[in-house]
């Protein structure tokens, strides 16, 4: 797994290439934590992340550190398997806000 990070003003995009799992989670957390404090919007681009296990749920739904800046986090370009995992997670935890996390995903897909 590798990733690329692009920052443009207050927005950053981290593009993941490979699986998101227990082994890769620390690297991705560190990438997000290492963003400048001026970044207020983080987009995870998962077009090339074809597999995600529960570690991806931790990555996407964790609350930011109280010491860090507040950041709006969204996800784009989800492959079918990670999308299914996110939908399943909302069946178990209905309080998870997929519409906020996936603003460019049609609501019909999020309803399962």
PDB file of N, CA and C in Angstrom:
ATOM      1  N   UNK A   1       0.847  -1.168   0.000  1.00  0.00           N
ATOM      2  CA  UNK A   1       0.000   0.000   0.000  1.00  0.00           C
ATOM      3  C   UNK A   1       0.890   1.227   0.000  1.00  0.00           C
ATOM      4  N   UNK A   2       0.473   2.210  -0.788  1.00  0.00           N
ATOM      5  CA  UNK A   2       1.091   3.521  -0.709  1.00  0.00           C
ATOM      6  C   UNK A   2      -0.006   4.562  -0.898  1.00  0.00           C
ATOM      7  N   UNK A   3       0.329   5.795  -0.650  1.00  0.00           N
ATOM      8  CA  UNK A   3      -0.654   6.859  -0.789  1.00  0.00           C
ATOM      9  C   UNK A   3       0.047   8.122  -1.248  1.00  0.00           C
ATOM     10  N   UNK A   4      -0.744   9.002  -1.815  1.00  0.00           N
ATOM     11  CA  UNK A   4      -0.237  10.314  -2.187  1.00  0.00           C
ATOM     12  C   UNK A   4      -1.082  11.361  -1.471  1.00  0.00           C
ATOM     13  N   UNK A   5      -0.442  12.450  -1.130  1.00  0.00           N
ATOM     14  CA  UNK A   5      -1.127  13.538  -0.443  1.00  0.00           C
ATOM     15  C   UNK A   5      -0.954  14.805  -1.260  1.00  0.00           C
ATOM     16  N   UNK A   6      -2.060  15.477  -1.484  1.00  0.00           N
ATOM     17  CA  UNK A   6      -2.025  16.763  -2.197  1.00  0.00           C
ATOM     18  C   UNK A   6      -2.759  17.786  -1.342  1.00  0.00           C
ATOM     19  N   UNK A   7      -2.106  18.890  -1.070  1.00  0.00           N
ATOM     20  CA  UNK A   7      -2.706  19.956  -0.278  1.00  0.00           C
ATOM     21  C   UNK A   7      -2.854  21.184  -1.151  1.00  0.00           C
ATOM     22  N   UNK A   8      -4.036  21.797  -1.077  1.00  0.00           N
ATOM     23  CA  UNK A   8      -4.325  23.013  -1.826  1.00  0.00           C
ATOM     24  C   UNK A   8      -5.061  23.968  -0.888  1.00  0.00           C
ATOM     25  N   UNK A   9      -4.317  24.862  -0.277  1.00  0.00           N
ATOM     26  CA  UNK A   9      -4.918  25.789   0.680  1.00  0.00           C
ATOM     27  C   UNK A   9      -5.433  25.051   1.896  1.00  0.00           C
ATOM     28  N   UNK A  10      -6.726  25.198   2.172  1.00  0.00           N
ATOM     29  CA  UNK A  10      -7.344  24.581   3.346  1.00  0.00           C
ATOM     30  C   UNK A  10      -7.830  23.161   3.080  1.00  0.00           C
ATOM     31  N   UNK A  11      -7.620  22.651   1.865  1.00  0.00           N
ATOM     32  CA  UNK A  11      -8.098  21.309   1.515  1.00  0.00           C
ATOM     33  C   UNK A  11      -6.921  20.376   1.244  1.00  0.00           C
ATOM     34  N   UNK A  12      -7.093  19.128   1.642  1.00  0.00           N
ATOM     35  CA  UNK A  12      -6.101  18.091   1.366  1.00  0.00           C
ATOM     36  C   UNK A  12      -6.814  16.864   0.834  1.00  0.00           C
ATOM     37  N   UNK A  13      -6.145  16.167  -0.065  1.00  0.00           N
ATOM     38  CA  UNK A  13      -6.657  14.909  -0.623  1.00  0.00           C
ATOM     39  C   UNK A  13      -5.581  13.851  -0.429  1.00  0.00           C
ATOM     40  N   UNK A  14      -5.983  12.770   0.251  1.00  0.00           N
ATOM     41  CA  UNK A  14      -5.088  11.621   0.394  1.00  0.00           C
ATOM     42  C   UNK A  14      -5.656  10.508  -0.472  1.00  0.00           C
ATOM     43  N   UNK A  15      -4.884  10.100  -1.454  1.00  0.00           N
ATOM     44  CA  UNK A  15      -5.291   9.042  -2.379  1.00  0.00           C
ATOM     45  C   UNK A  15      -4.573   7.762  -1.976  1.00  0.00           C
ATOM     46  N   UNK A  16      -5.358   6.748  -1.649  1.00  0.00           N
ATOM     47  CA  UNK A  16      -4.828   5.472  -1.169  1.00  0.00           C
ATOM     48  C   UNK A  16      -4.733   4.507  -2.338  1.00  0.00           C
ATOM     49  N   UNK A  17      -3.583   3.848  -2.457  1.00  0.00           N
ATOM     50  CA  UNK A  17      -3.347   2.824  -3.483  1.00  0.00           C
ATOM     51  C   UNK A  17      -3.068   1.514  -2.755  1.00  0.00           C
ATOM     52  N   UNK A  18      -4.060   0.653  -2.679  1.00  0.00           N
ATOM     53  CA  UNK A  18      -3.887  -0.625  -1.997  1.00  0.00           C
ATOM     54  C   UNK A  18      -4.943  -0.811  -0.933  1.00  0.00           C
ATOM     55  N   UNK A  19      -4.767  -1.829  -0.125  1.00  0.00           N
ATOM     56  CA  UNK A  19      -5.752  -2.202   0.887  1.00  0.00           C
ATOM     57  C   UNK A  19      -5.646  -1.323   2.123  1.00  0.00           C
ATOM     58  N   UNK A  20      -6.796  -1.115   2.756  1.00  0.00           N
ATOM     59  CA  UNK A  20      -6.826  -0.439   4.053  1.00  0.00           C
ATOM     60  C   UNK A  20      -7.152  -1.514   5.073  1.00  0.00           C
ATOM     61  N   UNK A  21      -6.176  -1.819   5.913  1.00  0.00           N
ATOM     62  CA  UNK A  21      -6.354  -2.866   6.914  1.00  0.00           C
ATOM     63  C   UNK A  21      -5.555  -2.517   8.165  1.00  0.00           C
ATOM     64  N   UNK A  22      -5.492  -3.450   9.076  1.00  0.00           N
ATOM     65  CA  UNK A  22      -4.808  -3.223  10.355  1.00  0.00           C
ATOM     66  C   UNK A  22      -3.352  -2.802  10.155  1.00  0.00           C
ATOM     67  N   UNK A  23      -2.694  -3.375   9.158  1.00  0.00           N
ATOM     68  CA  UNK A  23      -1.277  -3.062   8.920  1.00  0.00           C
ATOM     69  C   UNK A  23      -1.074  -1.671   8.341  1.00  0.00           C
ATOM     70  N   UNK A  24      -1.995  -1.203   7.518  1.00  0.00           N
ATOM     71  CA  UNK A  24      -1.823   0.093   6.862  1.00  0.00           C
ATOM     72  C   UNK A  24      -2.449   1.255   7.635  1.00  0.00           C
ATOM     73  N   UNK A  25      -3.297   0.943   8.606  1.00  0.00           N
ATOM     74  CA  UNK A  25      -3.984   1.985   9.371  1.00  0.00           C
ATOM     75  C   UNK A  25      -3.024   2.987  10.026  1.00  0.00           C
ATOM     76  N   UNK A  26      -1.957   2.556  10.692  1.00  0.00           N
ATOM     77  CA  UNK A  26      -1.065   3.543  11.319  1.00  0.00           C
ATOM     78  C   UNK A  26      -0.449   4.525  10.315  1.00  0.00           C
ATOM     79  N   UNK A  27      -0.100   4.050   9.138  1.00  0.00           N
ATOM     80  CA  UNK A  27       0.472   4.941   8.114  1.00  0.00           C
ATOM     81  C   UNK A  27      -0.538   5.989   7.665  1.00  0.00           C
ATOM     82  N   UNK A  28      -1.783   5.561   7.478  1.00  0.00           N
ATOM     83  CA  UNK A  28      -2.810   6.494   7.021  1.00  0.00           C
ATOM     84  C   UNK A  28      -3.192   7.485   8.124  1.00  0.00           C
ATOM     85  N   UNK A  29      -3.250   7.010   9.350  1.00  0.00           N
ATOM     86  CA  UNK A  29      -3.503   7.927  10.472  1.00  0.00           C
ATOM     87  C   UNK A  29      -2.393   8.978  10.555  1.00  0.00           C
ATOM     88  N   UNK A  30      -1.164   8.534  10.396  1.00  0.00           N
ATOM     89  CA  UNK A  30      -0.031   9.456  10.466  1.00  0.00           C
ATOM     90  C   UNK A  30      -0.083  10.473   9.324  1.00  0.00           C
ATOM     91  N   UNK A  31      -0.519  10.036   8.143  1.00  0.00           N
ATOM     92  CA  UNK A  31      -0.638  10.964   7.011  1.00  0.00           C
ATOM     93  C   UNK A  31      -1.642  12.062   7.320  1.00  0.00           C
ATOM     94  N   UNK A  32      -2.777  11.693   7.883  1.00  0.00           N
ATOM     95  CA  UNK A  32      -3.794  12.685   8.229  1.00  0.00           C
ATOM     96  C   UNK A  32      -3.316  13.580   9.374  1.00  0.00           C
ATOM     97  N   UNK A  33      -2.687  12.987  10.371  1.00  0.00           N
ATOM     98  CA  UNK A  33      -2.208  13.764  11.512  1.00  0.00           C
ATOM     99  C   UNK A  33      -1.093  14.731  11.108  1.00  0.00           C
ATOM    100  N   UNK A  34      -0.354  14.386  10.062  1.00  0.00           N
ATOM    101  CA  UNK A  34       0.757  15.222   9.622  1.00  0.00           C
ATOM    102  C   UNK A  34       0.366  16.382   8.727  1.00  0.00           C
ATOM    103  N   UNK A  35      -0.915  16.509   8.422  1.00  0.00           N
ATOM    104  CA  UNK A  35      -1.356  17.629   7.592  1.00  0.00           C
ATOM    105  C   UNK A  35      -1.199  18.939   8.362  1.00  0.00           C
ATOM    106  N   UNK A  36      -0.953  20.032   7.659  1.00  0.00           N
ATOM    107  CA  UNK A  36      -0.808  21.318   8.352  1.00  0.00           C
ATOM    108  C   UNK A  36      -2.092  21.699   9.085  1.00  0.00           C
ATOM    109  N   UNK A  37      -1.976  22.451  10.170  1.00  0.00           N
ATOM    110  CA  UNK A  37      -3.161  22.879  10.922  1.00  0.00           C
ATOM    111  C   UNK A  37      -4.127  23.718  10.089  1.00  0.00           C
ATOM    112  N   UNK A  38      -3.645  24.311   9.007  1.00  0.00           N
ATOM    113  CA  UNK A  38      -4.512  25.136   8.157  1.00  0.00           C
ATOM    114  C   UNK A  38      -5.482  24.312   7.320  1.00  0.00           C
ATOM    115  N   UNK A  39      -5.281  23.001   7.255  1.00  0.00           N
ATOM    116  CA  UNK A  39      -6.174  22.127   6.484  1.00  0.00           C
ATOM    117  C   UNK A  39      -7.444  21.886   7.297  1.00  0.00           C
ATOM    118  N   UNK A  40      -8.565  22.324   6.743  1.00  0.00           N
ATOM    119  CA  UNK A  40      -9.859  22.159   7.422  1.00  0.00           C
ATOM    120  C   UNK A  40     -10.762  21.172   6.699  1.00  0.00           C
ATOM    121  N   UNK A  41     -10.337  20.707   5.535  1.00  0.00           N
ATOM    122  CA  UNK A  41     -11.121  19.725   4.773  1.00  0.00           C
ATOM    123  C   UNK A  41     -10.199  18.631   4.274  1.00  0.00           C
ATOM    124  N   UNK A  42     -10.525  17.392   4.623  1.00  0.00           N
ATOM    125  CA  UNK A  42      -9.744  16.231   4.209  1.00  0.00           C
ATOM    126  C   UNK A  42     -10.623  15.322   3.364  1.00  0.00           C
ATOM    127  N   UNK A  43     -10.158  15.011   2.176  1.00  0.00           N
ATOM    128  CA  UNK A  43     -10.854  14.076   1.291  1.00  0.00           C
ATOM    129  C   UNK A  43      -9.992  12.826   1.166  1.00  0.00           C
ATOM    130  N   UNK A  44     -10.589  11.696   1.502  1.00  0.00           N
ATOM    131  CA  UNK A  44      -9.940  10.408   1.264  1.00  0.00           C
ATOM    132  C   UNK A  44     -10.412   9.922  -0.099  1.00  0.00           C
ATOM    133  N   UNK A  45      -9.504   9.806  -1.044  1.00  0.00           N
ATOM    134  CA  UNK A  45      -9.828   9.299  -2.376  1.00  0.00           C
ATOM    135  C   UNK A  45      -9.496   7.809  -2.383  1.00  0.00           C
ATOM    136  N   UNK A  46     -10.533   6.980  -2.468  1.00  0.00           N
ATOM    137  CA  UNK A  46     -10.347   5.533  -2.344  1.00  0.00           C
ATOM    138  C   UNK A  46     -10.556   4.783  -3.654  1.00  0.00           C
ATOM    139  N   UNK A  47     -10.374   5.473  -4.770  1.00  0.00           N
ATOM    140  CA  UNK A  47     -10.558   4.842  -6.077  1.00  0.00           C
ATOM    141  C   UNK A  47      -9.660   3.617  -6.246  1.00  0.00           C
ATOM    142  N   UNK A  48      -8.461   3.664  -5.699  1.00  0.00           N
ATOM    143  CA  UNK A  48      -7.506   2.564  -5.874  1.00  0.00           C
ATOM    144  C   UNK A  48      -7.394   1.700  -4.617  1.00  0.00           C
ATOM    145  N   UNK A  49      -8.330   1.868  -3.693  1.00  0.00           N
ATOM    146  CA  UNK A  49      -8.387   1.032  -2.493  1.00  0.00           C
ATOM    147  C   UNK A  49      -9.555   0.072  -2.692  1.00  0.00           C
ATOM    148  N   UNK A  50      -9.285  -1.077  -3.238  1.00  0.00           N
ATOM    149  CA  UNK A  50     -10.340  -2.028  -3.593  1.00  0.00           C
ATOM    150  C   UNK A  50     -10.829  -2.850  -2.422  1.00  0.00           C
ATOM    151  N   UNK A  51     -10.058  -2.874  -1.324  1.00  0.00           N
ATOM    152  CA  UNK A  51     -10.447  -3.640  -0.143  1.00  0.00           C
ATOM    153  C   UNK A  51     -10.230  -2.794   1.102  1.00  0.00           C
ATOM    154  N   UNK A  52     -11.185  -2.868   2.023  1.00  0.00           N
ATOM    155  CA  UNK A  52     -11.075  -2.180   3.300  1.00  0.00           C
ATOM    156  C   UNK A  52     -11.717  -3.069   4.349  1.00  0.00           C
ATOM    157  N   UNK A  53     -11.011  -3.278   5.459  1.00  0.00           N
ATOM    158  CA  UNK A  53     -11.636  -4.025   6.553  1.00  0.00           C
ATOM    159  C   UNK A  53     -12.033  -3.042   7.650  1.00  0.00           C
ATOM    160  N   UNK A  54     -12.307  -3.539   8.836  1.00  0.00           N
ATOM    161  CA  UNK A  54     -12.798  -2.693   9.916  1.00  0.00           C
ATOM    162  C   UNK A  54     -11.822  -1.569  10.254  1.00  0.00           C
ATOM    163  N   UNK A  55     -10.556  -1.727   9.943  1.00  0.00           N
ATOM    164  CA  UNK A  55      -9.586  -0.652  10.169  1.00  0.00           C
ATOM    165  C   UNK A  55      -9.977   0.602   9.386  1.00  0.00           C
ATOM    166  N   UNK A  56     -10.539   0.414   8.212  1.00  0.00           N
ATOM    167  CA  UNK A  56     -10.996   1.561   7.423  1.00  0.00           C
ATOM    168  C   UNK A  56     -12.133   2.300   8.106  1.00  0.00           C
ATOM    169  N   UNK A  57     -12.984   1.572   8.804  1.00  0.00           N
ATOM    170  CA  UNK A  57     -14.062   2.223   9.555  1.00  0.00           C
ATOM    171  C   UNK A  57     -13.478   3.094  10.660  1.00  0.00           C
ATOM    172  N   UNK A  58     -12.466   2.581  11.333  1.00  0.00           N
ATOM    173  CA  UNK A  58     -11.803   3.376  12.370  1.00  0.00           C
ATOM    174  C   UNK A  58     -11.195   4.637  11.754  1.00  0.00           C
ATOM    175  N   UNK A  59     -10.547   4.487  10.630  1.00  0.00           N
ATOM    176  CA  UNK A  59      -9.909   5.629   9.967  1.00  0.00           C
ATOM    177  C   UNK A  59     -10.931   6.704   9.603  1.00  0.00           C
ATOM    178  N   UNK A  60     -12.039   6.299   9.034  1.00  0.00           N
ATOM    179  CA  UNK A  60     -13.000   7.263   8.498  1.00  0.00           C
ATOM    180  C   UNK A  60     -13.943   7.853   9.541  1.00  0.00           C
ATOM    181  N   UNK A  61     -14.195   7.119  10.628  1.00  0.00           N
ATOM    182  CA  UNK A  61     -15.171   7.592  11.607  1.00  0.00           C
ATOM    183  C   UNK A  61     -14.562   8.068  12.924  1.00  0.00           C
ATOM    184  N   UNK A  62     -13.248   7.983  13.075  1.00  0.00           N
ATOM    185  CA  UNK A  62     -12.626   8.453  14.310  1.00  0.00           C
ATOM    186  C   UNK A  62     -12.806   9.956  14.470  1.00  0.00           C
ATOM    187  N   UNK A  63     -12.995  10.363  15.687  1.00  0.00           N
ATOM    188  CA  UNK A  63     -13.063  11.786  15.985  1.00  0.00           C
ATOM    189  C   UNK A  63     -11.638  12.336  15.989  1.00  0.00           C
ATOM    190  N   UNK A  64     -11.452  13.531  15.445  1.00  0.00           N
ATOM    191  CA  UNK A  64     -10.103  14.104  15.450  1.00  0.00           C
ATOM    192  C   UNK A  64      -9.632  14.381  16.876  1.00  0.00           C
ATOM    193  N   UNK A  65      -8.345  14.435  17.022  1.00  0.00           N
ATOM    194  CA  UNK A  65      -7.750  14.732  18.316  1.00  0.00           C
ATOM    195  C   UNK A  65      -8.182  16.117  18.787  1.00  0.00           C
ATOM    196  N   UNK A  66      -8.484  16.270  20.075  1.00  0.00           N
ATOM    197  CA  UNK A  66      -8.886  17.588  20.577  1.00  0.00           C
ATOM    198  C   UNK A  66      -7.796  18.646  20.403  1.00  0.00           C
ATOM    199  N   UNK A  67      -6.540  18.205  20.327  1.00  0.00           N
ATOM    200  CA  UNK A  67      -5.432  19.140  20.136  1.00  0.00           C
ATOM    201  C   UNK A  67      -5.327  19.601  18.681  1.00  0.00           C
ATOM    202  N   UNK A  68      -5.857  18.811  17.756  1.00  0.00           N
ATOM    203  CA  UNK A  68      -5.754  19.131  16.337  1.00  0.00           C
ATOM    204  C   UNK A  68      -6.857  20.068  15.883  1.00  0.00           C
ATOM    205  N   UNK A  69      -6.707  20.588  14.677  1.00  0.00           N
ATOM    206  CA  UNK A  69      -7.731  21.487  14.141  1.00  0.00           C
ATOM    207  C   UNK A  69      -8.988  20.715  13.763  1.00  0.00           C
ATOM    208  N   UNK A  70     -10.164  21.353  13.836  1.00  0.00           N
ATOM    209  CA  UNK A  70     -11.374  20.673  13.362  1.00  0.00           C
ATOM    210  C   UNK A  70     -11.294  20.494  11.854  1.00  0.00           C
ATOM    211  N   UNK A  71     -11.667  19.304  11.394  1.00  0.00           N
ATOM    212  CA  UNK A  71     -11.585  18.987   9.968  1.00  0.00           C
ATOM    213  C   UNK A  71     -12.847  18.291   9.510  1.00  0.00           C
ATOM    214  N   UNK A  72     -13.335  18.723   8.365  1.00  0.00           N
ATOM    215  CA  UNK A  72     -14.442  18.016   7.708  1.00  0.00           C
ATOM    216  C   UNK A  72     -13.802  16.907   6.870  1.00  0.00           C
ATOM    217  N   UNK A  73     -14.238  15.693   7.099  1.00  0.00           N
ATOM    218  CA  UNK A  73     -13.687  14.543   6.377  1.00  0.00           C
ATOM    219  C   UNK A  73     -14.745  13.965   5.463  1.00  0.00           C
ATOM    220  N   UNK A  74     -14.366  13.747   4.203  1.00  0.00           N
ATOM    221  CA  UNK A  74     -15.248  13.102   3.242  1.00  0.00           C
ATOM    222  C   UNK A  74     -14.471  12.025   2.493  1.00  0.00           C
ATOM    223  N   UNK A  75     -15.227  11.180   1.802  1.00  0.00           N
ATOM    224  CA  UNK A  75     -14.646  10.089   1.024  1.00  0.00           C
ATOM    225  C   UNK A  75     -15.206  10.174  -0.387  1.00  0.00           C
ATOM    226  N   UNK A  76     -14.364   9.897  -1.368  1.00  0.00           N
ATOM    227  CA  UNK A  76     -14.799   9.905  -2.753  1.00  0.00           C
ATOM    228  C   UNK A  76     -14.253   8.677  -3.478  1.00  0.00           C
ATOM    229  N   UNK A  77     -14.894   8.350  -4.593  1.00  0.00           N
ATOM    230  CA  UNK A  77     -14.444   7.267  -5.489  1.00  0.00           C
ATOM    231  C   UNK A  77     -14.374   5.905  -4.816  1.00  0.00           C
ATOM    232  N   UNK A  78     -15.402   5.561  -4.065  1.00  0.00           N
ATOM    233  CA  UNK A  78     -15.412   4.272  -3.378  1.00  0.00           C
ATOM    234  C   UNK A  78     -15.604   3.113  -4.341  1.00  0.00           C
ATOM    235  N   UNK A  79     -14.811   2.082  -4.154  1.00  0.00           N
ATOM    236  CA  UNK A  79     -14.997   0.820  -4.871  1.00  0.00           C
ATOM    237  C   UNK A  79     -16.169   0.079  -4.220  1.00  0.00           C
ATOM    238  N   UNK A  80     -16.724  -0.931  -4.879  1.00  0.00           N
ATOM    239  CA  UNK A  80     -17.901  -1.631  -4.337  1.00  0.00           C
ATOM    240  C   UNK A  80     -17.700  -2.239  -2.948  1.00  0.00           C
ATOM    241  N   UNK A  81     -16.584  -2.900  -2.697  1.00  0.00           N
ATOM    242  CA  UNK A  81     -16.413  -3.564  -1.397  1.00  0.00           C
ATOM    243  C   UNK A  81     -16.350  -2.569  -0.245  1.00  0.00           C
ATOM    244  N   UNK A  82     -15.546  -1.506  -0.315  1.00  0.00           N
ATOM    245  CA  UNK A  82     -15.567  -0.538   0.792  1.00  0.00           C
ATOM    246  C   UNK A  82     -16.938   0.114   0.982  1.00  0.00           C
ATOM    247  N   UNK A  83     -17.651   0.374  -0.100  1.00  0.00           N
ATOM    248  CA  UNK A  83     -18.992   0.948   0.023  1.00  0.00           C
ATOM    249  C   UNK A  83     -19.915  -0.023   0.758  1.00  0.00           C
ATOM    250  N   UNK A  84     -19.863  -1.308   0.409  1.00  0.00           N
ATOM    251  CA  UNK A  84     -20.696  -2.306   1.109  1.00  0.00           C
ATOM    252  C   UNK A  84     -20.363  -2.350   2.593  1.00  0.00           C
ATOM    253  N   UNK A  85     -19.075  -2.259   2.925  1.00  0.00           N
ATOM    254  CA  UNK A  85     -18.664  -2.279   4.326  1.00  0.00           C
ATOM    255  C   UNK A  85     -19.235  -1.063   5.073  1.00  0.00           C
ATOM    256  N   UNK A  86     -19.178   0.104   4.465  1.00  0.00           N
ATOM    257  CA  UNK A  86     -19.725   1.307   5.109  1.00  0.00           C
ATOM    258  C   UNK A  86     -21.235   1.199   5.304  1.00  0.00           C
ATOM    259  N   UNK A  87     -21.933   0.664   4.311  1.00  0.00           N
ATOM    260  CA  UNK A  87     -23.387   0.488   4.437  1.00  0.00           C
ATOM    261  C   UNK A  87     -23.704  -0.516   5.538  1.00  0.00           C
ATOM    262  N   UNK A  88     -22.954  -1.612   5.598  1.00  0.00           N
ATOM    263  CA  UNK A  88     -23.152  -2.598   6.665  1.00  0.00           C
ATOM    264  C   UNK A  88     -22.898  -1.967   8.032  1.00  0.00           C
ATOM    265  N   UNK A  89     -21.893  -1.128   8.139  1.00  0.00           N
ATOM    266  CA  UNK A  89     -21.583  -0.467   9.413  1.00  0.00           C
ATOM    267  C   UNK A  89     -22.751   0.397   9.875  1.00  0.00           C
ATOM    268  N   UNK A  90     -23.445   1.033   8.948  1.00  0.00           N
ATOM    269  CA  UNK A  90     -24.582   1.873   9.349  1.00  0.00           C
ATOM    270  C   UNK A  90     -25.782   1.034   9.766  1.00  0.00           C
ATOM    271  N   UNK A  91     -25.848  -0.197   9.323  1.00  0.00           N
ATOM    272  CA  UNK A  91     -26.926  -1.082   9.795  1.00  0.00           C
ATOM    273  C   UNK A  91     -26.682  -1.481  11.244  1.00  0.00           C
ATOM    274  N   UNK A  92     -25.415  -1.611  11.594  1.00  0.00           N
ATOM    275  CA  UNK A  92     -25.058  -1.960  12.962  1.00  0.00           C
ATOM    276  C   UNK A  92     -25.090  -0.711  13.849  1.00  0.00           C
ATOM    277  N   UNK A  93     -24.645   0.408  13.291  1.00  0.00           N
ATOM    278  CA  UNK A  93     -24.604   1.692  14.021  1.00  0.00           C
ATOM    279  C   UNK A  93     -25.336   2.755  13.212  1.00  0.00           C
ATOM    280  N   UNK A  94     -26.653   2.852  13.341  1.00  0.00           N
ATOM    281  CA  UNK A  94     -27.432   3.814  12.558  1.00  0.00           C
ATOM    282  C   UNK A  94     -27.045   5.270  12.791  1.00  0.00           C
ATOM    283  N   UNK A  95     -26.322   5.558  13.874  1.00  0.00           N
ATOM    284  CA  UNK A  95     -25.909   6.939  14.155  1.00  0.00           C
ATOM    285  C   UNK A  95     -24.749   7.404  13.268  1.00  0.00           C
ATOM    286  N   UNK A  96     -24.117   6.501  12.532  1.00  0.00           N
ATOM    287  CA  UNK A  96     -23.042   6.898  11.620  1.00  0.00           C
ATOM    288  C   UNK A  96     -23.636   7.672  10.453  1.00  0.00           C
ATOM    289  N   UNK A  97     -23.059   8.796  10.125  1.00  0.00           N
ATOM    290  CA  UNK A  97     -23.608   9.698   9.113  1.00  0.00           C
ATOM    291  C   UNK A  97     -22.905   9.498   7.766  1.00  0.00           C
ATOM    292  N   UNK A  98     -23.430   8.578   6.965  1.00  0.00           N
ATOM    293  CA  UNK A  98     -22.832   8.322   5.653  1.00  0.00           C
ATOM    294  C   UNK A  98     -23.053   9.467   4.678  1.00  0.00           C
ATOM    295  N   UNK A  99     -24.169  10.140   4.767  1.00  0.00           N
ATOM    296  CA  UNK A  99     -24.438  11.246   3.840  1.00  0.00           C
ATOM    297  C   UNK A  99     -23.386  12.339   3.991  1.00  0.00           C
ATOM    298  N   UNK A 100     -22.932  12.586   5.198  1.00  0.00           N
ATOM    299  CA  UNK A 100     -21.882  13.577   5.417  1.00  0.00           C
ATOM    300  C   UNK A 100     -20.541  13.080   4.900  1.00  0.00           C
ATOM    301  N   UNK A 101     -20.259  11.813   5.158  1.00  0.00           N
ATOM    302  CA  UNK A 101     -18.975  11.237   4.771  1.00  0.00           C
ATOM    303  C   UNK A 101     -18.875  11.043   3.261  1.00  0.00           C
ATOM    304  N   UNK A 102     -20.000  10.736   2.612  1.00  0.00           N
ATOM    305  CA  UNK A 102     -20.018  10.407   1.184  1.00  0.00           C
ATOM    306  C   UNK A 102     -20.922  11.370   0.416  1.00  0.00           C
ATOM    307  N   UNK A 103     -20.611  12.646   0.379  1.00  0.00           N
ATOM    308  CA  UNK A 103     -21.541  13.609  -0.219  1.00  0.00           C
ATOM    309  C   UNK A 103     -21.781  13.424  -1.711  1.00  0.00           C
ATOM    310  N   UNK A 104     -20.865  12.780  -2.420  1.00  0.00           N
ATOM    311  CA  UNK A 104     -21.067  12.612  -3.861  1.00  0.00           C
ATOM    312  C   UNK A 104     -21.601  11.227  -4.238  1.00  0.00           C
ATOM    313  N   UNK A 105     -22.084  10.475  -3.242  1.00  0.00           N
ATOM    314  CA  UNK A 105     -22.661   9.152  -3.493  1.00  0.00           C
ATOM    315  C   UNK A 105     -24.189   9.277  -3.460  1.00  0.00           C
ATOM    316  N   UNK A 106     -24.865   8.797  -4.499  1.00  0.00           N
ATOM    317  CA  UNK A 106     -26.333   8.908  -4.536  1.00  0.00           C
ATOM    318  C   UNK A 106     -26.974   8.243  -3.316  1.00  0.00           C
ATOM    319  N   UNK A 107     -27.977   8.898  -2.764  1.00  0.00           N
ATOM    320  CA  UNK A 107     -28.660   8.402  -1.563  1.00  0.00           C
ATOM    321  C   UNK A 107     -29.220   7.001  -1.768  1.00  0.00           C
ATOM    322  N   UNK A 108     -29.653   6.686  -2.980  1.00  0.00           N
ATOM    323  CA  UNK A 108     -30.215   5.358  -3.258  1.00  0.00           C
ATOM    324  C   UNK A 108     -29.181   4.255  -2.982  1.00  0.00           C
ATOM    325  N   UNK A 109     -27.919   4.517  -3.258  1.00  0.00           N
ATOM    326  CA  UNK A 109     -26.881   3.526  -2.974  1.00  0.00           C
ATOM    327  C   UNK A 109     -26.635   3.395  -1.482  1.00  0.00           C
ATOM    328  N   UNK A 110     -26.764   4.484  -0.750  1.00  0.00           N
ATOM    329  CA  UNK A 110     -26.504   4.463   0.693  1.00  0.00           C
ATOM    330  C   UNK A 110     -27.599   3.751   1.464  1.00  0.00           C
ATOM    331  N   UNK A 111     -28.785   3.674   0.882  1.00  0.00           N
ATOM    332  CA  UNK A 111     -29.891   3.002   1.546  1.00  0.00           C
ATOM    333  C   UNK A 111     -29.799   1.488   1.434  1.00  0.00           C
ATOM    334  N   UNK A 112     -28.778   1.003   0.790  1.00  0.00           N
ATOM    335  CA  UNK A 112     -28.514  -0.407   0.760  1.00  0.00           C
ATOM    336  C   UNK A 112     -29.126  -1.128  -0.374  1.00  0.00           C
TER     337      UNK A 112
END
